[in-house]
Amino acid sequence: MLSYQHAYHAGNLADVHKHALLAWALAYLTAKDKPLSYIETHAGRGLYDLSGAEADKTGEAAAGIARAEGWLPAEHPYRRILAQVRAIHGAQSYPGSPLIAATSLRAGDVMHLCELHPAEFRALEANLTPWGAHIAQVDGLEAAMALTPPTPRRGMMLIDPSYEVKADYDRLPSIIAKVMKRWNVGIVALWYPILLDVPHVQMLAALTRDFPEALRSEVRFPPIREGHRMAGSGMFIVNPPYGMDEEAARLLAIFDTYRR
């Protein structure tokens, strides 16, 4: 199945949670004068127009980044990146995680981006090739194993499936276990939706059994509209950087304060 397109959901509250943690992690990693690898398995197109028909149809950005950006301090890496992207692409532009990574990385760092959807892949090539990214139209979970261990070995992988293939919930724990066996020093961050019928519970039980010291960050928010099933956002992070647990706690407190 290749029907999912993130343009309908870009800038929603799940993106705010995921991208704030990602921007913080990359800021931490790039503070050290050592090269790193960044790998993303389900990259999407990398850059979105929040004035477009897709965002207008769902209203998720209006209920997400449009109201939540001010929840974070002005010096937060996520807000700095938002300002940088808008200065280049316009006030209604929004960076997906590949562009958040691209604006964070330095000369000497390496970025691998995977996207299977043909139209999204073409847009990703147009948006991220100028940043020097290695871009491939492949199954991201297969690439997760093929690309590890990367060179440089220091680095981070973001796994961010759409979960339109329901078997991903069963497949992901074994994939991550294999990745970590190949790349035990890597930071592996898995995003997952918190849906009303909680399909993520068994997946997380398996991941927690395999990686009991991983960081689990979850935030909750009301479904955006009647019939919408998403009620929160989660990140499961193996080998989290020092201090990321504190950043996750700050985000949780922020979401708990403003969702009321």
C-alpha atoms as a PDB file:
ATOM      1  CA  MET A   1       0.000   0.000   0.000  1.00  0.00           C
ATOM      2  CA  LEU A   2       1.323   3.423  -0.987  1.00  0.00           C
ATOM      3  CA  SER A   3      -1.627   5.725  -0.376  1.00  0.00           C
ATOM      4  CA  TYR A   4      -0.248   7.666   2.606  1.00  0.00           C
ATOM      5  CA  GLN A   5       0.931  11.227   1.983  1.00  0.00           C
ATOM      6  CA  HIS A   6       2.086  13.268   4.960  1.00  0.00           C
ATOM      7  CA  ALA A   7       1.081  16.602   3.384  1.00  0.00           C
ATOM      8  CA  TYR A   8      -2.390  16.101   4.915  1.00  0.00           C
ATOM      9  CA  HIS A   9      -0.882  15.779   8.404  1.00  0.00           C
ATOM     10  CA  ALA A  10       2.259  17.940   8.308  1.00  0.00           C
ATOM     11  CA  GLY A  11       2.601  20.229  11.297  1.00  0.00           C
ATOM     12  CA  ASN A  12       0.081  18.382  13.448  1.00  0.00           C
ATOM     13  CA  LEU A  13       0.638  17.865  17.162  1.00  0.00           C
ATOM     14  CA  ALA A  14       2.340  14.529  16.565  1.00  0.00           C
ATOM     15  CA  ASP A  15       4.844  16.327  14.330  1.00  0.00           C
ATOM     16  CA  VAL A  16       5.412  18.946  17.023  1.00  0.00           C
ATOM     17  CA  HIS A  17       6.267  16.212  19.536  1.00  0.00           C
ATOM     18  CA  LYS A  18       8.421  14.161  17.156  1.00  0.00           C
ATOM     19  CA  HIS A  19      10.228  17.081  15.549  1.00  0.00           C
ATOM     20  CA  ALA A  20      10.932  18.886  18.819  1.00  0.00           C
ATOM     21  CA  LEU A  21      12.665  15.749  20.144  1.00  0.00           C
ATOM     22  CA  LEU A  22      14.514  15.202  16.861  1.00  0.00           C
ATOM     23  CA  ALA A  23      15.766  18.788  16.683  1.00  0.00           C
ATOM     24  CA  TRP A  24      16.935  18.592  20.302  1.00  0.00           C
ATOM     25  CA  ALA A  25      18.766  15.298  19.717  1.00  0.00           C
ATOM     26  CA  LEU A  26      20.532  16.579  16.602  1.00  0.00           C
ATOM     27  CA  ALA A  27      21.535  19.787  18.364  1.00  0.00           C
ATOM     28  CA  TYR A  28      23.073  17.666  21.115  1.00  0.00           C
ATOM     29  CA  LEU A  29      24.908  15.404  18.664  1.00  0.00           C
ATOM     30  CA  THR A  30      26.275  18.238  16.554  1.00  0.00           C
ATOM     31  CA  ALA A  31      27.591  20.086  19.599  1.00  0.00           C
ATOM     32  CA  LYS A  32      30.506  17.620  19.599  1.00  0.00           C
ATOM     33  CA  ASP A  33      33.191  18.018  16.960  1.00  0.00           C
ATOM     34  CA  LYS A  34      32.780  14.481  15.631  1.00  0.00           C
ATOM     35  CA  PRO A  35      31.079  13.505  12.344  1.00  0.00           C
ATOM     36  CA  LEU A  36      27.826  11.559  12.418  1.00  0.00           C
ATOM     37  CA  SER A  37      25.409   9.644  10.211  1.00  0.00           C
ATOM     38  CA  TYR A  38      21.694  10.350  10.028  1.00  0.00           C
ATOM     39  CA  ILE A  39      19.393   7.697   8.558  1.00  0.00           C
ATOM     40  CA  GLU A  40      15.658   8.059   7.959  1.00  0.00           C
ATOM     41  CA  THR A  41      13.578   5.128   6.769  1.00  0.00           C
ATOM     42  CA  HIS A  42      10.287   6.828   5.804  1.00  0.00           C
ATOM     43  CA  ALA A  43      11.290  10.329   4.805  1.00  0.00           C
ATOM     44  CA  GLY A  44       8.246  11.729   2.988  1.00  0.00           C
ATOM     45  CA  ARG A  45       8.883  14.813   0.864  1.00  0.00           C
ATOM     46  CA  GLY A  46      10.851  16.782   3.451  1.00  0.00           C
ATOM     47  CA  LEU A  47       9.145  20.149   2.899  1.00  0.00           C
ATOM     48  CA  TYR A  48       5.444  21.025   3.123  1.00  0.00           C
ATOM     49  CA  ASP A  49       3.210  23.975   2.279  1.00  0.00           C
ATOM     50  CA  LEU A  50       0.773  24.602   5.101  1.00  0.00           C
ATOM     51  CA  SER A  51      -1.284  26.908   2.874  1.00  0.00           C
ATOM     52  CA  GLY A  52      -1.920  24.021   0.476  1.00  0.00           C
ATOM     53  CA  ALA A  53      -5.163  22.177  -0.114  1.00  0.00           C
ATOM     54  CA  GLU A  54      -4.011  19.114   1.832  1.00  0.00           C
ATOM     55  CA  ALA A  55      -3.359  21.004   5.077  1.00  0.00           C
ATOM     56  CA  ASP A  56      -6.544  23.030   4.638  1.00  0.00           C
ATOM     57  CA  LYS A  57      -8.610  19.877   4.177  1.00  0.00           C
ATOM     58  CA  THR A  58      -7.643  18.293   7.512  1.00  0.00           C
ATOM     59  CA  GLY A  59      -6.983  21.378   9.661  1.00  0.00           C
ATOM     60  CA  GLU A  60      -4.280  19.447  11.509  1.00  0.00           C
ATOM     61  CA  ALA A  61      -1.574  22.095  11.090  1.00  0.00           C
ATOM     62  CA  ALA A  62      -3.945  24.812  12.290  1.00  0.00           C
ATOM     63  CA  ALA A  63      -4.570  22.788  15.444  1.00  0.00           C
ATOM     64  CA  GLY A  64      -0.892  21.807  15.652  1.00  0.00           C
ATOM     65  CA  ILE A  65       2.110  23.983  14.892  1.00  0.00           C
ATOM     66  CA  ALA A  66       0.004  27.124  14.384  1.00  0.00           C
ATOM     67  CA  ARG A  67      -0.976  27.082  18.049  1.00  0.00           C
ATOM     68  CA  ALA A  68       1.796  24.964  19.602  1.00  0.00           C
ATOM     69  CA  GLU A  69       4.924  26.739  18.384  1.00  0.00           C
ATOM     70  CA  GLY A  70       4.644  29.313  21.146  1.00  0.00           C
ATOM     71  CA  TRP A  71       4.577  26.551  23.758  1.00  0.00           C
ATOM     72  CA  LEU A  72       8.336  26.148  23.302  1.00  0.00           C
ATOM     73  CA  PRO A  73      11.011  28.674  24.301  1.00  0.00           C
ATOM     74  CA  ALA A  74      12.347  30.836  21.475  1.00  0.00           C
ATOM     75  CA  GLU A  75      15.835  29.318  21.807  1.00  0.00           C
ATOM     76  CA  HIS A  76      14.619  25.734  21.307  1.00  0.00           C
ATOM     77  CA  PRO A  77      16.376  24.096  18.301  1.00  0.00           C
ATOM     78  CA  TYR A  78      13.015  23.254  16.732  1.00  0.00           C
ATOM     79  CA  ARG A  79      11.912  26.881  16.723  1.00  0.00           C
ATOM     80  CA  ARG A  80      15.262  28.004  15.317  1.00  0.00           C
ATOM     81  CA  ILE A  81      14.882  25.531  12.446  1.00  0.00           C
ATOM     82  CA  LEU A  82      11.299  26.623  11.761  1.00  0.00           C
ATOM     83  CA  ALA A  83      12.486  30.219  11.455  1.00  0.00           C
ATOM     84  CA  GLN A  84      15.353  29.236   9.163  1.00  0.00           C
ATOM     85  CA  VAL A  85      13.109  27.221   6.837  1.00  0.00           C
ATOM     86  CA  ARG A  86      10.508  29.994   6.646  1.00  0.00           C
ATOM     87  CA  ALA A  87      13.194  32.539   5.818  1.00  0.00           C
ATOM     88  CA  ILE A  88      14.175  30.420   2.810  1.00  0.00           C
ATOM     89  CA  HIS A  89      10.854  28.951   1.649  1.00  0.00           C
ATOM     90  CA  GLY A  90       8.165  31.310   2.945  1.00  0.00           C
ATOM     91  CA  ALA A  91       6.022  31.833   6.013  1.00  0.00           C
ATOM     92  CA  GLN A  92       3.713  28.872   5.343  1.00  0.00           C
ATOM     93  CA  SER A  93       6.498  26.338   4.772  1.00  0.00           C
ATOM     94  CA  TYR A  94       7.016  23.500   7.220  1.00  0.00           C
ATOM     95  CA  PRO A  95      10.073  21.219   7.467  1.00  0.00           C
ATOM     96  CA  GLY A  96       9.609  17.486   7.645  1.00  0.00           C
ATOM     97  CA  SER A  97      12.157  15.498   9.600  1.00  0.00           C
ATOM     98  CA  PRO A  98      14.614  15.214   6.648  1.00  0.00           C
ATOM     99  CA  LEU A  99      14.847  18.991   6.387  1.00  0.00           C
ATOM    100  CA  ILE A 100      15.125  19.328  10.164  1.00  0.00           C
ATOM    101  CA  ALA A 101      18.102  16.979   9.926  1.00  0.00           C
ATOM    102  CA  ALA A 102      19.585  18.752   6.910  1.00  0.00           C
ATOM    103  CA  THR A 103      19.519  22.132   8.635  1.00  0.00           C
ATOM    104  CA  SER A 104      21.117  20.591  11.727  1.00  0.00           C
ATOM    105  CA  LEU A 105      23.951  18.600  10.160  1.00  0.00           C
ATOM    106  CA  ARG A 106      27.399  19.928   9.256  1.00  0.00           C
ATOM    107  CA  ALA A 107      29.939  19.422   6.507  1.00  0.00           C
ATOM    108  CA  GLY A 108      31.361  15.944   7.071  1.00  0.00           C
ATOM    109  CA  ASP A 109      28.096  14.504   8.397  1.00  0.00           C
ATOM    110  CA  VAL A 110      26.270  11.956   6.212  1.00  0.00           C
ATOM    111  CA  MET A 111      22.521  11.730   5.580  1.00  0.00           C
ATOM    112  CA  HIS A 112      20.656   8.721   4.109  1.00  0.00           C
ATOM    113  CA  LEU A 113      16.955   9.166   3.284  1.00  0.00           C
ATOM    114  CA  CYS A 114      14.564   6.433   2.126  1.00  0.00           C
ATOM    115  CA  GLU A 115      11.104   6.875   0.612  1.00  0.00           C
ATOM    116  CA  LEU A 116       9.091   4.288  -1.344  1.00  0.00           C
ATOM    117  CA  HIS A 117       6.099   6.337  -2.555  1.00  0.00           C
ATOM    118  CA  PRO A 118       6.947   7.470  -6.144  1.00  0.00           C
ATOM    119  CA  ALA A 119       5.535  11.011  -5.938  1.00  0.00           C
ATOM    120  CA  GLU A 120       6.899  11.602  -2.446  1.00  0.00           C
ATOM    121  CA  PHE A 121      10.287  10.264  -3.556  1.00  0.00           C
ATOM    122  CA  ARG A 122      10.453  12.704  -6.484  1.00  0.00           C
ATOM    123  CA  ALA A 123       9.578  15.613  -4.191  1.00  0.00           C
ATOM    124  CA  LEU A 124      12.145  14.438  -1.646  1.00  0.00           C
ATOM    125  CA  GLU A 125      14.824  14.361  -4.346  1.00  0.00           C
ATOM    126  CA  ALA A 126      13.971  17.916  -5.377  1.00  0.00           C
ATOM    127  CA  ASN A 127      13.915  19.218  -1.820  1.00  0.00           C
ATOM    128  CA  LEU A 128      16.886  17.407  -0.255  1.00  0.00           C
ATOM    129  CA  THR A 129      19.387  16.717  -3.046  1.00  0.00           C
ATOM    130  CA  PRO A 130      20.696  20.300  -2.728  1.00  0.00           C
ATOM    131  CA  TRP A 131      21.588  19.469   0.878  1.00  0.00           C
ATOM    132  CA  GLY A 132      23.821  16.580  -0.177  1.00  0.00           C
ATOM    133  CA  ALA A 133      21.546  13.796   1.045  1.00  0.00           C
ATOM    134  CA  HIS A 134      21.835  10.234  -0.239  1.00  0.00           C
ATOM    135  CA  ILE A 135      18.259   9.445  -1.318  1.00  0.00           C
ATOM    136  CA  ALA A 136      16.871   6.033  -2.297  1.00  0.00           C
ATOM    137  CA  GLN A 137      13.437   4.786  -3.380  1.00  0.00           C
ATOM    138  CA  VAL A 138      13.423   1.622  -1.283  1.00  0.00           C
ATOM    139  CA  ASP A 139      11.538  -0.119   1.504  1.00  0.00           C
ATOM    140  CA  GLY A 140      12.713   1.762   4.553  1.00  0.00           C
ATOM    141  CA  LEU A 141      12.744  -1.157   6.959  1.00  0.00           C
ATOM    142  CA  GLU A 142      14.861  -3.239   4.600  1.00  0.00           C
ATOM    143  CA  ALA A 143      17.172  -0.248   4.167  1.00  0.00           C
ATOM    144  CA  ALA A 144      17.469   0.092   7.941  1.00  0.00           C
ATOM    145  CA  MET A 145      19.414  -3.132   7.991  1.00  0.00           C
ATOM    146  CA  ALA A 146      21.261  -2.567   4.705  1.00  0.00           C
ATOM    147  CA  LEU A 147      22.570   0.840   5.828  1.00  0.00           C
ATOM    148  CA  THR A 148      23.868  -0.293   9.207  1.00  0.00           C
ATOM    149  CA  PRO A 149      26.451   0.019  10.518  1.00  0.00           C
ATOM    150  CA  PRO A 150      26.957   3.339   8.736  1.00  0.00           C
ATOM    151  CA  THR A 151      30.099   5.356   8.253  1.00  0.00           C
ATOM    152  CA  PRO A 152      30.579   7.376  10.424  1.00  0.00           C
ATOM    153  CA  ARG A 153      29.348   4.928  13.063  1.00  0.00           C
ATOM    154  CA  ARG A 154      28.272   7.690  15.423  1.00  0.00           C
ATOM    155  CA  GLY A 155      24.760   8.802  14.653  1.00  0.00           C
ATOM    156  CA  MET A 156      20.996   8.428  14.662  1.00  0.00           C
ATOM    157  CA  MET A 157      18.222   6.628  12.798  1.00  0.00           C
ATOM    158  CA  LEU A 158      14.603   7.792  12.693  1.00  0.00           C
ATOM    159  CA  ILE A 159      11.999   5.154  11.871  1.00  0.00           C
ATOM    160  CA  ASP A 160       8.709   6.871  11.129  1.00  0.00           C
ATOM    161  CA  PRO A 161       6.305   4.577   9.231  1.00  0.00           C
ATOM    162  CA  SER A 162       2.771   5.536   8.294  1.00  0.00           C
ATOM    163  CA  TYR A 163       1.539   2.197   9.742  1.00  0.00           C
ATOM    164  CA  GLU A 164      -0.871   1.867   6.809  1.00  0.00           C
ATOM    165  CA  VAL A 165       0.671  -1.595   6.552  1.00  0.00           C
ATOM    166  CA  LYS A 166      -0.605  -3.021   9.831  1.00  0.00           C
ATOM    167  CA  ALA A 167       2.043  -5.746   9.814  1.00  0.00           C
ATOM    168  CA  ASP A 168       4.592  -3.035  10.632  1.00  0.00           C
ATOM    169  CA  TYR A 169       3.563  -3.233  14.294  1.00  0.00           C
ATOM    170  CA  ASP A 170       4.645  -6.887  14.354  1.00  0.00           C
ATOM    171  CA  ARG A 171       7.663  -6.373  12.125  1.00  0.00           C
ATOM    172  CA  LEU A 172       9.323  -3.432  13.845  1.00  0.00           C
ATOM    173  CA  PRO A 173      10.636  -5.050  17.067  1.00  0.00           C
ATOM    174  CA  SER A 174      12.624  -7.659  15.156  1.00  0.00           C
ATOM    175  CA  ILE A 175      13.899  -5.071  12.663  1.00  0.00           C
ATOM    176  CA  ILE A 176      15.114  -2.802  15.454  1.00  0.00           C
ATOM    177  CA  ALA A 177      16.719  -5.737  17.261  1.00  0.00           C
ATOM    178  CA  LYS A 178      18.663  -6.604  14.110  1.00  0.00           C
ATOM    179  CA  VAL A 179      19.685  -2.988  13.556  1.00  0.00           C
ATOM    180  CA  MET A 180      20.965  -2.661  17.121  1.00  0.00           C
ATOM    181  CA  LYS A 181      22.905  -5.920  16.816  1.00  0.00           C
ATOM    182  CA  ARG A 182      24.699  -4.443  13.789  1.00  0.00           C
ATOM    183  CA  TRP A 183      24.963  -0.905  15.170  1.00  0.00           C
ATOM    184  CA  ASN A 184      25.069  -1.058  18.951  1.00  0.00           C
ATOM    185  CA  VAL A 185      26.329   2.534  19.316  1.00  0.00           C
ATOM    186  CA  GLY A 186      23.539   4.039  17.205  1.00  0.00           C
ATOM    187  CA  ILE A 187      20.588   6.044  18.476  1.00  0.00           C
ATOM    188  CA  VAL A 188      17.416   4.517  17.029  1.00  0.00           C
ATOM    189  CA  ALA A 189      14.200   6.488  17.428  1.00  0.00           C
ATOM    190  CA  LEU A 190      10.855   4.927  16.505  1.00  0.00           C
ATOM    191  CA  TRP A 191       7.772   7.127  16.170  1.00  0.00           C
ATOM    192  CA  TYR A 192       4.334   5.585  16.652  1.00  0.00           C
ATOM    193  CA  PRO A 193       0.796   6.956  16.807  1.00  0.00           C
ATOM    194  CA  ILE A 194      -1.291   6.505  19.919  1.00  0.00           C
ATOM    195  CA  LEU A 195      -4.626   5.424  18.497  1.00  0.00           C
ATOM    196  CA  LEU A 196      -7.882   4.850  20.316  1.00  0.00           C
ATOM    197  CA  ASP A 197      -7.749   1.110  19.598  1.00  0.00           C
ATOM    198  CA  VAL A 198      -4.121   0.979  20.905  1.00  0.00           C
ATOM    199  CA  PRO A 199      -2.506  -1.235  18.225  1.00  0.00           C
ATOM    200  CA  HIS A 200       0.935  -0.156  19.481  1.00  0.00           C
ATOM    201  CA  VAL A 201       0.692  -1.876  22.872  1.00  0.00           C
ATOM    202  CA  GLN A 202       2.039  -5.303  21.888  1.00  0.00           C
ATOM    203  CA  MET A 203       4.808  -3.729  19.794  1.00  0.00           C
ATOM    204  CA  LEU A 204       5.943  -1.651  22.752  1.00  0.00           C
ATOM    205  CA  ALA A 205       5.834  -4.651  25.067  1.00  0.00           C
ATOM    206  CA  ALA A 206       8.245  -6.487  22.759  1.00  0.00           C
ATOM    207  CA  LEU A 207      10.508  -3.437  22.394  1.00  0.00           C
ATOM    208  CA  THR A 208      10.589  -2.817  26.142  1.00  0.00           C
ATOM    209  CA  ARG A 209      11.506  -6.449  26.756  1.00  0.00           C
ATOM    210  CA  ASP A 210      14.410  -6.192  24.318  1.00  0.00           C
ATOM    211  CA  PHE A 211      15.518  -2.677  25.332  1.00  0.00           C
ATOM    212  CA  PRO A 212      14.522  -2.075  28.955  1.00  0.00           C
ATOM    213  CA  GLU A 213      16.716   1.047  29.251  1.00  0.00           C
ATOM    214  CA  ALA A 214      15.238   2.798  26.201  1.00  0.00           C
ATOM    215  CA  LEU A 215      13.420   6.118  26.541  1.00  0.00           C
ATOM    216  CA  ARG A 216       9.672   6.093  25.956  1.00  0.00           C
ATOM    217  CA  SER A 217       8.180   9.538  25.378  1.00  0.00           C
ATOM    218  CA  GLU A 218       4.427   9.899  24.942  1.00  0.00           C
ATOM    219  CA  VAL A 219       2.148  12.925  24.788  1.00  0.00           C
ATOM    220  CA  ARG A 220      -1.628  12.990  24.553  1.00  0.00           C
ATOM    221  CA  PHE A 221      -4.052  15.298  22.789  1.00  0.00           C
ATOM    222  CA  PRO A 222      -7.716  15.119  21.768  1.00  0.00           C
ATOM    223  CA  PRO A 223      -8.573  13.701  18.331  1.00  0.00           C
ATOM    224  CA  ILE A 224      -8.582  16.549  15.812  1.00  0.00           C
ATOM    225  CA  ARG A 225     -12.086  15.800  14.530  1.00  0.00           C
ATOM    226  CA  GLU A 226     -14.971  13.392  14.969  1.00  0.00           C
ATOM    227  CA  GLY A 227     -13.997   9.927  13.843  1.00  0.00           C
ATOM    228  CA  HIS A 228     -10.250  10.660  14.000  1.00  0.00           C
ATOM    229  CA  ARG A 229      -8.466   7.890  15.886  1.00  0.00           C
ATOM    230  CA  MET A 230      -5.196   9.545  16.909  1.00  0.00           C
ATOM    231  CA  ALA A 231      -5.109  10.619  20.552  1.00  0.00           C
ATOM    232  CA  GLY A 232      -1.378  11.021  21.078  1.00  0.00           C
ATOM    233  CA  SER A 233       2.167  10.587  19.818  1.00  0.00           C
ATOM    234  CA  GLY A 234       4.962   8.317  20.990  1.00  0.00           C
ATOM    235  CA  MET A 235       8.709   7.975  20.533  1.00  0.00           C
ATOM    236  CA  PHE A 236      10.675   4.890  21.603  1.00  0.00           C
ATOM    237  CA  ILE A 237      14.387   5.750  21.618  1.00  0.00           C
ATOM    238  CA  VAL A 238      17.166   3.208  22.039  1.00  0.00           C
ATOM    239  CA  ASN A 239      20.474   4.684  23.287  1.00  0.00           C
ATOM    240  CA  PRO A 240      18.958   8.124  23.960  1.00  0.00           C
ATOM    241  CA  PRO A 241      21.482  10.965  24.233  1.00  0.00           C
ATOM    242  CA  TYR A 242      22.332  12.263  27.687  1.00  0.00           C
ATOM    243  CA  GLY A 243      19.619  14.646  28.890  1.00  0.00           C
ATOM    244  CA  MET A 244      16.966  13.523  26.415  1.00  0.00           C
ATOM    245  CA  ASP A 245      14.843  12.100  29.228  1.00  0.00           C
ATOM    246  CA  GLU A 246      14.703  15.592  30.726  1.00  0.00           C
ATOM    247  CA  GLU A 247      13.737  17.110  27.377  1.00  0.00           C
ATOM    248  CA  ALA A 248      10.980  14.503  26.988  1.00  0.00           C
ATOM    249  CA  ALA A 249       9.695  15.345  30.473  1.00  0.00           C
ATOM    250  CA  ARG A 250       9.608  19.054  29.567  1.00  0.00           C
ATOM    251  CA  LEU A 251       7.593  18.316  26.434  1.00  0.00           C
ATOM    252  CA  LEU A 252       5.172  16.138  28.379  1.00  0.00           C
ATOM    253  CA  ALA A 253       4.600  18.913  30.906  1.00  0.00           C
ATOM    254  CA  ILE A 254       4.025  21.408  28.092  1.00  0.00           C
ATOM    255  CA  PHE A 255       1.493  19.187  26.321  1.00  0.00           C
ATOM    256  CA  ASP A 256      -0.264  18.430  29.602  1.00  0.00           C
ATOM    257  CA  THR A 257      -0.544  22.155  30.339  1.00  0.00           C
ATOM    258  CA  TYR A 258      -1.800  23.359  26.963  1.00  0.00           C
ATOM    259  CA  ARG A 259      -4.033  20.515  25.847  1.00  0.00           C
ATOM    260  CA  ARG A 260      -6.654  21.490  28.407  1.00  0.00           C
END
